[in-house]
């Protein structure tokens, strides 16, 4: 990507400059990343290989797990490797590519979470029409729409940032390349770009969040006349999704829909949604879902049985 800037690479300051803290962080975040990849990969394999997990909810869950692997892999490996080196540099092209990847996968995940809320609305409020409304083709189009939406959002953020002139300094007070830290390094007035960036992120975040809230308000209202057993069954299918929505939207709303003034705060919050949440999502969905746990046990039994039969 061509740019008129004199800066050809950036220096990532990371989470800490203390050598002892960096060694502890290396072990801790390496463990977190391995759990993230293993847990989400297990969900993907389980959903794909299990015939009992063929409903739209698990179709979307499979894509959610895949997105967690993708966007954590955009930032975590570089951050983990930088804990062991003194010069934490990243090229201009690599920096812009990282920015694009983070926004692409995170925004796509927002759309997938919104689609999952619609799926729960149809399943609970219109159960007789569920199979006709949520066909495989419709689900596929929703997923494609989510990917396209993420791509458009990320392209806007990336183009706005990459066309800014950077003449130095080149030190980014973060562990990955993001919009707000780069805006602070640009050697031009970035007020207008900053407003557009916040408006772009805010419009998507708030729109998705409003749709999610409306979906669950309608679900709760429709359950008023049901007995307590119906309430419990319906809410148990939504509990995991609501938990993930709160965990995802909270940090991203804090960072991206306000002008950033404190990068150290943003950096700490970013750790939560780039490292912690992708690790927690598999636990949230498996611990609360009997069907997923049962499918995993069957998958494990088949694997053990095939190995013993050799």
C-alpha atoms as a PDB file:
ATOM      1  CA  UNK A   1       0.000   0.000   0.000  1.00  0.00           C
ATOM      2  CA  UNK A   2       1.551   3.257  -1.161  1.00  0.00           C
ATOM      3  CA  UNK A   3       1.681   6.260   1.143  1.00  0.00           C
ATOM      4  CA  UNK A   4       3.459   9.591   1.002  1.00  0.00           C
ATOM      5  CA  UNK A   5       4.723   9.136   4.550  1.00  0.00           C
ATOM      6  CA  UNK A   6       8.397   9.099   5.411  1.00  0.00           C
ATOM      7  CA  UNK A   7       7.678   6.474   8.080  1.00  0.00           C
ATOM      8  CA  UNK A   8       8.178   2.955   6.684  1.00  0.00           C
ATOM      9  CA  UNK A   9       7.803   1.048   9.949  1.00  0.00           C
ATOM     10  CA  UNK A  10       6.351   1.520  13.405  1.00  0.00           C
ATOM     11  CA  UNK A  11       7.560   0.541  16.867  1.00  0.00           C
ATOM     12  CA  UNK A  12       4.955  -1.094  19.099  1.00  0.00           C
ATOM     13  CA  UNK A  13       5.513  -0.182  22.745  1.00  0.00           C
ATOM     14  CA  UNK A  14       3.442  -3.183  23.874  1.00  0.00           C
ATOM     15  CA  UNK A  15       1.782  -3.730  27.234  1.00  0.00           C
ATOM     16  CA  UNK A  16       4.853  -3.120  29.386  1.00  0.00           C
ATOM     17  CA  UNK A  17       8.526  -2.191  29.088  1.00  0.00           C
ATOM     18  CA  UNK A  18       9.473  -4.130  32.220  1.00  0.00           C
ATOM     19  CA  UNK A  19      11.444  -7.258  31.253  1.00  0.00           C
ATOM     20  CA  UNK A  20      10.119  -9.324  34.166  1.00  0.00           C
ATOM     21  CA  UNK A  21       6.519  -8.411  33.390  1.00  0.00           C
ATOM     22  CA  UNK A  22       7.078  -9.225  29.713  1.00  0.00           C
ATOM     23  CA  UNK A  23       8.284 -12.751  30.536  1.00  0.00           C
ATOM     24  CA  UNK A  24       5.233 -13.371  32.716  1.00  0.00           C
ATOM     25  CA  UNK A  25       2.984 -11.967  29.996  1.00  0.00           C
ATOM     26  CA  UNK A  26       4.637 -14.200  27.391  1.00  0.00           C
ATOM     27  CA  UNK A  27       3.754 -17.373  29.313  1.00  0.00           C
ATOM     28  CA  UNK A  28       0.275 -16.159  30.255  1.00  0.00           C
ATOM     29  CA  UNK A  29      -0.817 -14.914  26.827  1.00  0.00           C
ATOM     30  CA  UNK A  30       0.707 -17.901  25.035  1.00  0.00           C
ATOM     31  CA  UNK A  31      -1.434 -20.128  27.262  1.00  0.00           C
ATOM     32  CA  UNK A  32      -4.513 -17.967  26.596  1.00  0.00           C
ATOM     33  CA  UNK A  33      -3.942 -18.080  22.835  1.00  0.00           C
ATOM     34  CA  UNK A  34      -3.482 -21.860  22.789  1.00  0.00           C
ATOM     35  CA  UNK A  35      -6.730 -22.280  24.758  1.00  0.00           C
ATOM     36  CA  UNK A  36      -8.494 -19.893  22.373  1.00  0.00           C
ATOM     37  CA  UNK A  37      -7.446 -21.748  19.232  1.00  0.00           C
ATOM     38  CA  UNK A  38      -8.017 -25.207  20.718  1.00  0.00           C
ATOM     39  CA  UNK A  39     -11.423 -24.349  22.225  1.00  0.00           C
ATOM     40  CA  UNK A  40     -12.839 -22.617  19.160  1.00  0.00           C
ATOM     41  CA  UNK A  41     -11.387 -25.200  16.793  1.00  0.00           C
ATOM     42  CA  UNK A  42     -13.065 -27.908  18.873  1.00  0.00           C
ATOM     43  CA  UNK A  43     -16.425 -26.146  18.456  1.00  0.00           C
ATOM     44  CA  UNK A  44     -15.931 -25.847  14.680  1.00  0.00           C
ATOM     45  CA  UNK A  45     -15.000 -29.528  14.338  1.00  0.00           C
ATOM     46  CA  UNK A  46     -17.840 -30.629  16.628  1.00  0.00           C
ATOM     47  CA  UNK A  47     -20.512 -28.673  14.737  1.00  0.00           C
ATOM     48  CA  UNK A  48     -19.245 -29.780  11.317  1.00  0.00           C
ATOM     49  CA  UNK A  49     -18.945 -33.460  12.248  1.00  0.00           C
ATOM     50  CA  UNK A  50     -22.095 -33.814  14.379  1.00  0.00           C
ATOM     51  CA  UNK A  51     -25.416 -34.586  12.695  1.00  0.00           C
ATOM     52  CA  UNK A  52     -27.427 -33.482  15.742  1.00  0.00           C
ATOM     53  CA  UNK A  53     -25.989 -29.955  15.577  1.00  0.00           C
ATOM     54  CA  UNK A  54     -27.479 -29.041  12.203  1.00  0.00           C
ATOM     55  CA  UNK A  55     -29.812 -26.227  13.307  1.00  0.00           C
ATOM     56  CA  UNK A  56     -29.184 -22.580  12.277  1.00  0.00           C
ATOM     57  CA  UNK A  57     -28.075 -21.730  15.828  1.00  0.00           C
ATOM     58  CA  UNK A  58     -25.101 -24.084  15.594  1.00  0.00           C
ATOM     59  CA  UNK A  59     -24.440 -23.052  11.988  1.00  0.00           C
ATOM     60  CA  UNK A  60     -23.914 -19.490  13.247  1.00  0.00           C
ATOM     61  CA  UNK A  61     -22.005 -20.705  16.320  1.00  0.00           C
ATOM     62  CA  UNK A  62     -19.532 -22.455  14.026  1.00  0.00           C
ATOM     63  CA  UNK A  63     -18.832 -19.194  12.193  1.00  0.00           C
ATOM     64  CA  UNK A  64     -18.584 -17.314  15.499  1.00  0.00           C
ATOM     65  CA  UNK A  65     -15.909 -19.734  16.710  1.00  0.00           C
ATOM     66  CA  UNK A  66     -14.055 -19.414  13.398  1.00  0.00           C
ATOM     67  CA  UNK A  67     -14.095 -15.602  13.703  1.00  0.00           C
ATOM     68  CA  UNK A  68     -12.731 -15.832  17.263  1.00  0.00           C
ATOM     69  CA  UNK A  69      -9.761 -17.819  15.954  1.00  0.00           C
ATOM     70  CA  UNK A  70      -9.201 -15.338  13.123  1.00  0.00           C
ATOM     71  CA  UNK A  71      -9.262 -12.058  14.977  1.00  0.00           C
ATOM     72  CA  UNK A  72      -7.287 -13.317  17.967  1.00  0.00           C
ATOM     73  CA  UNK A  73      -4.676 -14.628  15.502  1.00  0.00           C
ATOM     74  CA  UNK A  74      -4.353 -11.160  13.958  1.00  0.00           C
ATOM     75  CA  UNK A  75      -3.013  -9.657  17.196  1.00  0.00           C
ATOM     76  CA  UNK A  76      -1.988 -12.351  19.705  1.00  0.00           C
ATOM     77  CA  UNK A  77       0.942 -14.074  17.885  1.00  0.00           C
ATOM     78  CA  UNK A  78       2.663 -10.751  17.173  1.00  0.00           C
ATOM     79  CA  UNK A  79       2.084  -9.561  20.743  1.00  0.00           C
ATOM     80  CA  UNK A  80       3.397 -12.845  22.201  1.00  0.00           C
ATOM     81  CA  UNK A  81       6.502 -12.796  19.987  1.00  0.00           C
ATOM     82  CA  UNK A  82       7.199  -9.158  20.895  1.00  0.00           C
ATOM     83  CA  UNK A  83       7.454 -10.084  24.581  1.00  0.00           C
ATOM     84  CA  UNK A  84      10.734 -11.868  23.727  1.00  0.00           C
ATOM     85  CA  UNK A  85      12.359  -9.228  21.513  1.00  0.00           C
ATOM     86  CA  UNK A  86      13.723  -5.777  22.216  1.00  0.00           C
ATOM     87  CA  UNK A  87      12.795  -4.139  18.901  1.00  0.00           C
ATOM     88  CA  UNK A  88       9.040  -4.519  18.499  1.00  0.00           C
ATOM     89  CA  UNK A  89       8.806  -3.216  14.936  1.00  0.00           C
ATOM     90  CA  UNK A  90       6.115  -3.687  12.315  1.00  0.00           C
ATOM     91  CA  UNK A  91       6.226  -2.467   8.721  1.00  0.00           C
ATOM     92  CA  UNK A  92       3.797   0.170   7.468  1.00  0.00           C
ATOM     93  CA  UNK A  93       2.079  -2.383   5.213  1.00  0.00           C
ATOM     94  CA  UNK A  94       1.955  -4.940   8.033  1.00  0.00           C
ATOM     95  CA  UNK A  95       0.502  -2.338  10.364  1.00  0.00           C
ATOM     96  CA  UNK A  96      -2.285  -1.394   7.943  1.00  0.00           C
ATOM     97  CA  UNK A  97      -2.977  -5.073   7.229  1.00  0.00           C
ATOM     98  CA  UNK A  98      -3.306  -5.731  10.964  1.00  0.00           C
ATOM     99  CA  UNK A  99      -5.678  -2.793  11.361  1.00  0.00           C
ATOM    100  CA  UNK A 100      -7.813  -4.090   8.478  1.00  0.00           C
ATOM    101  CA  UNK A 101      -7.891  -7.636   9.854  1.00  0.00           C
ATOM    102  CA  UNK A 102      -8.934  -6.638  13.368  1.00  0.00           C
ATOM    103  CA  UNK A 103     -11.799  -4.425  12.210  1.00  0.00           C
ATOM    104  CA  UNK A 104     -12.881  -6.908   9.532  1.00  0.00           C
ATOM    105  CA  UNK A 105     -13.215  -9.903  11.845  1.00  0.00           C
ATOM    106  CA  UNK A 106     -14.546  -8.002  14.879  1.00  0.00           C
ATOM    107  CA  UNK A 107     -17.203  -6.202  12.839  1.00  0.00           C
ATOM    108  CA  UNK A 108     -18.210  -9.456  11.109  1.00  0.00           C
ATOM    109  CA  UNK A 109     -18.576 -11.048  14.551  1.00  0.00           C
ATOM    110  CA  UNK A 110     -20.903  -8.215  15.601  1.00  0.00           C
ATOM    111  CA  UNK A 111     -23.115  -8.936  12.602  1.00  0.00           C
ATOM    112  CA  UNK A 112     -23.070 -12.692  13.299  1.00  0.00           C
ATOM    113  CA  UNK A 113     -24.111 -12.049  16.921  1.00  0.00           C
ATOM    114  CA  UNK A 114     -26.965  -9.875  15.643  1.00  0.00           C
ATOM    115  CA  UNK A 115     -28.073 -12.589  13.231  1.00  0.00           C
ATOM    116  CA  UNK A 116     -27.988 -15.109  16.088  1.00  0.00           C
ATOM    117  CA  UNK A 117     -30.358 -12.867  18.082  1.00  0.00           C
ATOM    118  CA  UNK A 118     -32.784 -12.846  15.140  1.00  0.00           C
ATOM    119  CA  UNK A 119     -32.514 -16.630  14.976  1.00  0.00           C
ATOM    120  CA  UNK A 120     -33.479 -16.894  18.676  1.00  0.00           C
ATOM    121  CA  UNK A 121     -36.383 -14.473  18.094  1.00  0.00           C
ATOM    122  CA  UNK A 122     -37.787 -16.616  15.278  1.00  0.00           C
ATOM    123  CA  UNK A 123     -37.233 -19.850  17.216  1.00  0.00           C
ATOM    124  CA  UNK A 124     -39.048 -18.599  20.333  1.00  0.00           C
ATOM    125  CA  UNK A 125     -41.642 -16.146  18.994  1.00  0.00           C
ATOM    126  CA  UNK A 126     -42.496 -17.837  15.679  1.00  0.00           C
ATOM    127  CA  UNK A 127     -41.714 -21.516  16.233  1.00  0.00           C
ATOM    128  CA  UNK A 128     -44.258 -22.784  13.664  1.00  0.00           C
ATOM    129  CA  UNK A 129     -42.576 -20.769  10.902  1.00  0.00           C
ATOM    130  CA  UNK A 130     -39.002 -21.404  12.038  1.00  0.00           C
ATOM    131  CA  UNK A 131     -38.097 -24.037   9.439  1.00  0.00           C
ATOM    132  CA  UNK A 132     -39.482 -21.942   6.584  1.00  0.00           C
ATOM    133  CA  UNK A 133     -37.947 -18.653   7.730  1.00  0.00           C
ATOM    134  CA  UNK A 134     -34.519 -19.957   8.728  1.00  0.00           C
ATOM    135  CA  UNK A 135     -33.650 -22.185   5.778  1.00  0.00           C
ATOM    136  CA  UNK A 136     -30.060 -23.093   4.945  1.00  0.00           C
ATOM    137  CA  UNK A 137     -30.103 -20.642   2.045  1.00  0.00           C
ATOM    138  CA  UNK A 138     -31.354 -17.792   4.242  1.00  0.00           C
ATOM    139  CA  UNK A 139     -28.726 -18.572   6.885  1.00  0.00           C
ATOM    140  CA  UNK A 140     -26.025 -18.642   4.222  1.00  0.00           C
ATOM    141  CA  UNK A 141     -27.098 -15.235   2.918  1.00  0.00           C
ATOM    142  CA  UNK A 142     -27.045 -13.816   6.437  1.00  0.00           C
ATOM    143  CA  UNK A 143     -23.494 -15.052   6.928  1.00  0.00           C
ATOM    144  CA  UNK A 144     -22.394 -13.644   3.551  1.00  0.00           C
ATOM    145  CA  UNK A 145     -24.054 -10.337   4.444  1.00  0.00           C
ATOM    146  CA  UNK A 146     -22.128 -10.311   7.726  1.00  0.00           C
ATOM    147  CA  UNK A 147     -18.819 -10.856   5.916  1.00  0.00           C
ATOM    148  CA  UNK A 148     -19.624  -8.122   3.373  1.00  0.00           C
ATOM    149  CA  UNK A 149     -20.639  -5.695   6.135  1.00  0.00           C
ATOM    150  CA  UNK A 150     -17.392  -6.370   8.000  1.00  0.00           C
ATOM    151  CA  UNK A 151     -15.386  -5.862   4.813  1.00  0.00           C
ATOM    152  CA  UNK A 152     -17.038  -2.522   4.006  1.00  0.00           C
ATOM    153  CA  UNK A 153     -16.546  -1.211   7.550  1.00  0.00           C
ATOM    154  CA  UNK A 154     -12.916  -2.313   7.674  1.00  0.00           C
ATOM    155  CA  UNK A 155     -12.176  -0.877   4.225  1.00  0.00           C
ATOM    156  CA  UNK A 156     -13.470   2.546   5.288  1.00  0.00           C
ATOM    157  CA  UNK A 157     -11.417   2.532   8.507  1.00  0.00           C
ATOM    158  CA  UNK A 158      -8.295   1.329   6.710  1.00  0.00           C
ATOM    159  CA  UNK A 159      -8.460   3.748   3.770  1.00  0.00           C
ATOM    160  CA  UNK A 160      -9.049   6.739   6.034  1.00  0.00           C
ATOM    161  CA  UNK A 161      -6.044   5.812   8.188  1.00  0.00           C
ATOM    162  CA  UNK A 162      -3.619   4.619   5.511  1.00  0.00           C
ATOM    163  CA  UNK A 163      -3.912   7.821   3.463  1.00  0.00           C
ATOM    164  CA  UNK A 164      -2.753  10.004   6.361  1.00  0.00           C
ATOM    165  CA  UNK A 165       0.853  11.290   6.247  1.00  0.00           C
ATOM    166  CA  UNK A 166       3.181   9.911   8.923  1.00  0.00           C
ATOM    167  CA  UNK A 167       6.481  11.765   9.333  1.00  0.00           C
ATOM    168  CA  UNK A 168       7.450  10.742  12.865  1.00  0.00           C
ATOM    169  CA  UNK A 169       7.537   9.867  15.649  1.00  0.00           C
ATOM    170  CA  UNK A 170       6.782   6.243  14.799  1.00  0.00           C
ATOM    171  CA  UNK A 171       6.181   4.775  18.266  1.00  0.00           C
ATOM    172  CA  UNK A 172       2.685   3.322  18.752  1.00  0.00           C
ATOM    173  CA  UNK A 173       1.562   3.146  22.376  1.00  0.00           C
ATOM    174  CA  UNK A 174      -0.225  -0.157  21.821  1.00  0.00           C
ATOM    175  CA  UNK A 175       0.485  -3.848  21.189  1.00  0.00           C
ATOM    176  CA  UNK A 176      -1.160  -3.828  17.737  1.00  0.00           C
ATOM    177  CA  UNK A 177      -1.966  -1.269  15.058  1.00  0.00           C
ATOM    178  CA  UNK A 178      -5.331   0.358  15.637  1.00  0.00           C
ATOM    179  CA  UNK A 179      -7.052   3.483  14.376  1.00  0.00           C
ATOM    180  CA  UNK A 180      -6.800   5.811  17.382  1.00  0.00           C
ATOM    181  CA  UNK A 181      -3.074   5.270  18.104  1.00  0.00           C
ATOM    182  CA  UNK A 182      -2.271   5.860  14.418  1.00  0.00           C
ATOM    183  CA  UNK A 183      -4.394   9.009  14.278  1.00  0.00           C
ATOM    184  CA  UNK A 184      -2.322  10.452  17.125  1.00  0.00           C
ATOM    185  CA  UNK A 185       0.889   9.857  15.134  1.00  0.00           C
ATOM    186  CA  UNK A 186      -0.294  11.450  11.876  1.00  0.00           C
ATOM    187  CA  UNK A 187       1.429  14.742  11.060  1.00  0.00           C
ATOM    188  CA  UNK A 188      -1.759  16.508  10.014  1.00  0.00           C
ATOM    189  CA  UNK A 189      -5.061  17.559  11.553  1.00  0.00           C
ATOM    190  CA  UNK A 190      -7.046  14.337  12.079  1.00  0.00           C
ATOM    191  CA  UNK A 191     -10.165  15.853  13.652  1.00  0.00           C
ATOM    192  CA  UNK A 192     -12.395  15.202  10.620  1.00  0.00           C
ATOM    193  CA  UNK A 193     -11.010  11.706  10.061  1.00  0.00           C
ATOM    194  CA  UNK A 194     -11.475  10.958  13.759  1.00  0.00           C
ATOM    195  CA  UNK A 195     -15.123  12.028  13.611  1.00  0.00           C
ATOM    196  CA  UNK A 196     -15.740   9.827  10.546  1.00  0.00           C
ATOM    197  CA  UNK A 197     -14.002   6.864  12.205  1.00  0.00           C
ATOM    198  CA  UNK A 198     -16.064   7.232  15.387  1.00  0.00           C
ATOM    199  CA  UNK A 199     -19.277   7.733  13.368  1.00  0.00           C
ATOM    200  CA  UNK A 200     -18.569   4.651  11.262  1.00  0.00           C
ATOM    201  CA  UNK A 201     -17.857   2.445  14.279  1.00  0.00           C
ATOM    202  CA  UNK A 202     -20.627   3.987  16.342  1.00  0.00           C
ATOM    203  CA  UNK A 203     -23.291   3.537  13.675  1.00  0.00           C
ATOM    204  CA  UNK A 204     -22.519  -0.168  13.311  1.00  0.00           C
ATOM    205  CA  UNK A 205     -22.099  -0.852  17.034  1.00  0.00           C
ATOM    206  CA  UNK A 206     -25.219   1.004  18.114  1.00  0.00           C
ATOM    207  CA  UNK A 207     -27.341  -0.352  15.234  1.00  0.00           C
ATOM    208  CA  UNK A 208     -26.405  -3.942  16.076  1.00  0.00           C
ATOM    209  CA  UNK A 209     -26.915  -3.320  19.779  1.00  0.00           C
ATOM    210  CA  UNK A 210     -30.359  -1.753  19.267  1.00  0.00           C
ATOM    211  CA  UNK A 211     -31.452  -4.716  17.112  1.00  0.00           C
ATOM    212  CA  UNK A 212     -30.167  -7.110  19.781  1.00  0.00           C
ATOM    213  CA  UNK A 213     -31.998  -5.285  22.583  1.00  0.00           C
ATOM    214  CA  UNK A 214     -35.256  -5.111  20.603  1.00  0.00           C
ATOM    215  CA  UNK A 215     -34.998  -8.827  19.769  1.00  0.00           C
ATOM    216  CA  UNK A 216     -34.673  -9.798  23.415  1.00  0.00           C
ATOM    217  CA  UNK A 217     -37.376  -7.378  24.593  1.00  0.00           C
ATOM    218  CA  UNK A 218     -39.792  -8.975  22.098  1.00  0.00           C
ATOM    219  CA  UNK A 219     -38.694 -12.439  23.253  1.00  0.00           C
ATOM    220  CA  UNK A 220     -39.260 -11.586  26.922  1.00  0.00           C
ATOM    221  CA  UNK A 221     -42.667 -10.023  26.223  1.00  0.00           C
ATOM    222  CA  UNK A 222     -43.764 -13.054  24.205  1.00  0.00           C
ATOM    223  CA  UNK A 223     -42.788 -15.361  27.093  1.00  0.00           C
ATOM    224  CA  UNK A 224     -44.958 -13.555  29.663  1.00  0.00           C
ATOM    225  CA  UNK A 225     -47.864 -15.932  29.198  1.00  0.00           C
ATOM    226  CA  UNK A 226     -45.755 -19.084  29.334  1.00  0.00           C
ATOM    227  CA  UNK A 227     -45.268 -21.245  32.385  1.00  0.00           C
ATOM    228  CA  UNK A 228     -42.000 -21.096  34.313  1.00  0.00           C
ATOM    229  CA  UNK A 229     -40.679 -24.203  32.551  1.00  0.00           C
ATOM    230  CA  UNK A 230     -41.126 -22.499  29.178  1.00  0.00           C
ATOM    231  CA  UNK A 231     -39.374 -19.393  30.488  1.00  0.00           C
ATOM    232  CA  UNK A 232     -36.451 -21.435  31.734  1.00  0.00           C
ATOM    233  CA  UNK A 233     -36.072 -23.418  28.511  1.00  0.00           C
ATOM    234  CA  UNK A 234     -36.249 -20.337  26.294  1.00  0.00           C
ATOM    235  CA  UNK A 235     -33.903 -18.236  28.393  1.00  0.00           C
ATOM    236  CA  UNK A 236     -31.393 -21.073  28.695  1.00  0.00           C
ATOM    237  CA  UNK A 237     -30.969 -21.036  24.910  1.00  0.00           C
ATOM    238  CA  UNK A 238     -30.439 -17.262  24.979  1.00  0.00           C
ATOM    239  CA  UNK A 239     -28.303 -16.972  28.126  1.00  0.00           C
ATOM    240  CA  UNK A 240     -25.007 -17.843  26.456  1.00  0.00           C
ATOM    241  CA  UNK A 241     -25.664 -15.480  23.573  1.00  0.00           C
ATOM    242  CA  UNK A 242     -26.594 -12.586  25.879  1.00  0.00           C
ATOM    243  CA  UNK A 243     -23.409 -13.149  27.909  1.00  0.00           C
ATOM    244  CA  UNK A 244     -21.210 -13.074  24.790  1.00  0.00           C
ATOM    245  CA  UNK A 245     -22.993  -9.968  23.465  1.00  0.00           C
ATOM    246  CA  UNK A 246     -22.349  -8.059  26.695  1.00  0.00           C
ATOM    247  CA  UNK A 247     -18.693  -9.136  26.778  1.00  0.00           C
ATOM    248  CA  UNK A 248     -18.110  -8.195  23.123  1.00  0.00           C
ATOM    249  CA  UNK A 249     -20.059  -4.958  22.839  1.00  0.00           C
ATOM    250  CA  UNK A 250     -18.941  -3.466  26.150  1.00  0.00           C
ATOM    251  CA  UNK A 251     -15.188  -3.106  25.446  1.00  0.00           C
ATOM    252  CA  UNK A 252     -15.613  -2.225  21.767  1.00  0.00           C
ATOM    253  CA  UNK A 253     -18.185   0.456  22.595  1.00  0.00           C
ATOM    254  CA  UNK A 254     -15.772   1.931  25.149  1.00  0.00           C
ATOM    255  CA  UNK A 255     -12.934   2.136  22.613  1.00  0.00           C
ATOM    256  CA  UNK A 256     -14.507   2.883  19.252  1.00  0.00           C
ATOM    257  CA  UNK A 257     -17.541   5.145  19.718  1.00  0.00           C
ATOM    258  CA  UNK A 258     -15.759   7.923  21.553  1.00  0.00           C
ATOM    259  CA  UNK A 259     -12.738  10.079  20.680  1.00  0.00           C
ATOM    260  CA  UNK A 260      -9.769   8.362  22.284  1.00  0.00           C
ATOM    261  CA  UNK A 261      -7.742  10.392  24.763  1.00  0.00           C
ATOM    262  CA  UNK A 262      -6.194   7.743  27.015  1.00  0.00           C
ATOM    263  CA  UNK A 263      -4.381   5.067  24.995  1.00  0.00           C
ATOM    264  CA  UNK A 264      -3.263   3.163  28.098  1.00  0.00           C
ATOM    265  CA  UNK A 265      -6.924   2.612  29.015  1.00  0.00           C
ATOM    266  CA  UNK A 266      -7.744   1.583  25.436  1.00  0.00           C
ATOM    267  CA  UNK A 267      -4.811  -0.823  25.475  1.00  0.00           C
ATOM    268  CA  UNK A 268      -6.009  -2.562  28.629  1.00  0.00           C
ATOM    269  CA  UNK A 269      -9.582  -2.850  27.348  1.00  0.00           C
ATOM    270  CA  UNK A 270      -8.341  -4.110  23.962  1.00  0.00           C
ATOM    271  CA  UNK A 271      -6.651  -7.069  25.707  1.00  0.00           C
ATOM    272  CA  UNK A 272     -10.080  -8.087  26.917  1.00  0.00           C
ATOM    273  CA  UNK A 273     -11.769  -8.255  23.500  1.00  0.00           C
ATOM    274  CA  UNK A 274      -8.775  -9.520  21.476  1.00  0.00           C
ATOM    275  CA  UNK A 275      -7.512 -12.185  23.908  1.00  0.00           C
ATOM    276  CA  UNK A 276      -9.881 -12.896  26.795  1.00  0.00           C
ATOM    277  CA  UNK A 277     -13.273 -12.935  25.047  1.00  0.00           C
ATOM    278  CA  UNK A 278     -12.230 -15.339  22.233  1.00  0.00           C
ATOM    279  CA  UNK A 279     -10.936 -17.671  24.957  1.00  0.00           C
ATOM    280  CA  UNK A 280     -14.128 -17.426  27.048  1.00  0.00           C
ATOM    281  CA  UNK A 281     -16.634 -17.875  24.202  1.00  0.00           C
ATOM    282  CA  UNK A 282     -16.120 -21.663  23.814  1.00  0.00           C
ATOM    283  CA  UNK A 283     -16.450 -22.105  27.587  1.00  0.00           C
ATOM    284  CA  UNK A 284     -19.631 -19.999  27.701  1.00  0.00           C
ATOM    285  CA  UNK A 285     -21.312 -21.930  24.900  1.00  0.00           C
ATOM    286  CA  UNK A 286     -20.230 -25.414  25.980  1.00  0.00           C
ATOM    287  CA  UNK A 287     -20.819 -25.083  29.731  1.00  0.00           C
ATOM    288  CA  UNK A 288     -24.394 -23.875  29.207  1.00  0.00           C
ATOM    289  CA  UNK A 289     -25.310 -26.098  26.264  1.00  0.00           C
ATOM    290  CA  UNK A 290     -26.108 -29.778  26.811  1.00  0.00           C
ATOM    291  CA  UNK A 291     -26.321 -30.543  23.082  1.00  0.00           C
ATOM    292  CA  UNK A 292     -22.818 -29.224  22.390  1.00  0.00           C
ATOM    293  CA  UNK A 293     -21.362 -31.095  25.383  1.00  0.00           C
ATOM    294  CA  UNK A 294     -23.113 -34.289  24.284  1.00  0.00           C
ATOM    295  CA  UNK A 295     -21.842 -33.910  20.699  1.00  0.00           C
ATOM    296  CA  UNK A 296     -18.292 -33.347  21.984  1.00  0.00           C
ATOM    297  CA  UNK A 297     -18.474 -36.490  24.115  1.00  0.00           C
ATOM    298  CA  UNK A 298     -19.688 -38.508  21.119  1.00  0.00           C
ATOM    299  CA  UNK A 299     -16.925 -37.054  18.946  1.00  0.00           C
ATOM    300  CA  UNK A 300     -14.341 -37.955  21.593  1.00  0.00           C
ATOM    301  CA  UNK A 301     -15.790 -41.463  21.959  1.00  0.00           C
ATOM    302  CA  UNK A 302     -15.590 -42.028  18.198  1.00  0.00           C
ATOM    303  CA  UNK A 303     -11.983 -40.780  18.137  1.00  0.00           C
ATOM    304  CA  UNK A 304     -10.961 -43.009  21.069  1.00  0.00           C
ATOM    305  CA  UNK A 305     -12.857 -45.954  19.592  1.00  0.00           C
ATOM    306  CA  UNK A 306     -11.189 -45.582  16.186  1.00  0.00           C
ATOM    307  CA  UNK A 307      -7.734 -45.371  17.794  1.00  0.00           C
ATOM    308  CA  UNK A 308      -8.388 -48.495  19.894  1.00  0.00           C
ATOM    309  CA  UNK A 309      -9.633 -50.350  16.827  1.00  0.00           C
ATOM    310  CA  UNK A 310      -6.390 -49.837  14.950  1.00  0.00           C
END
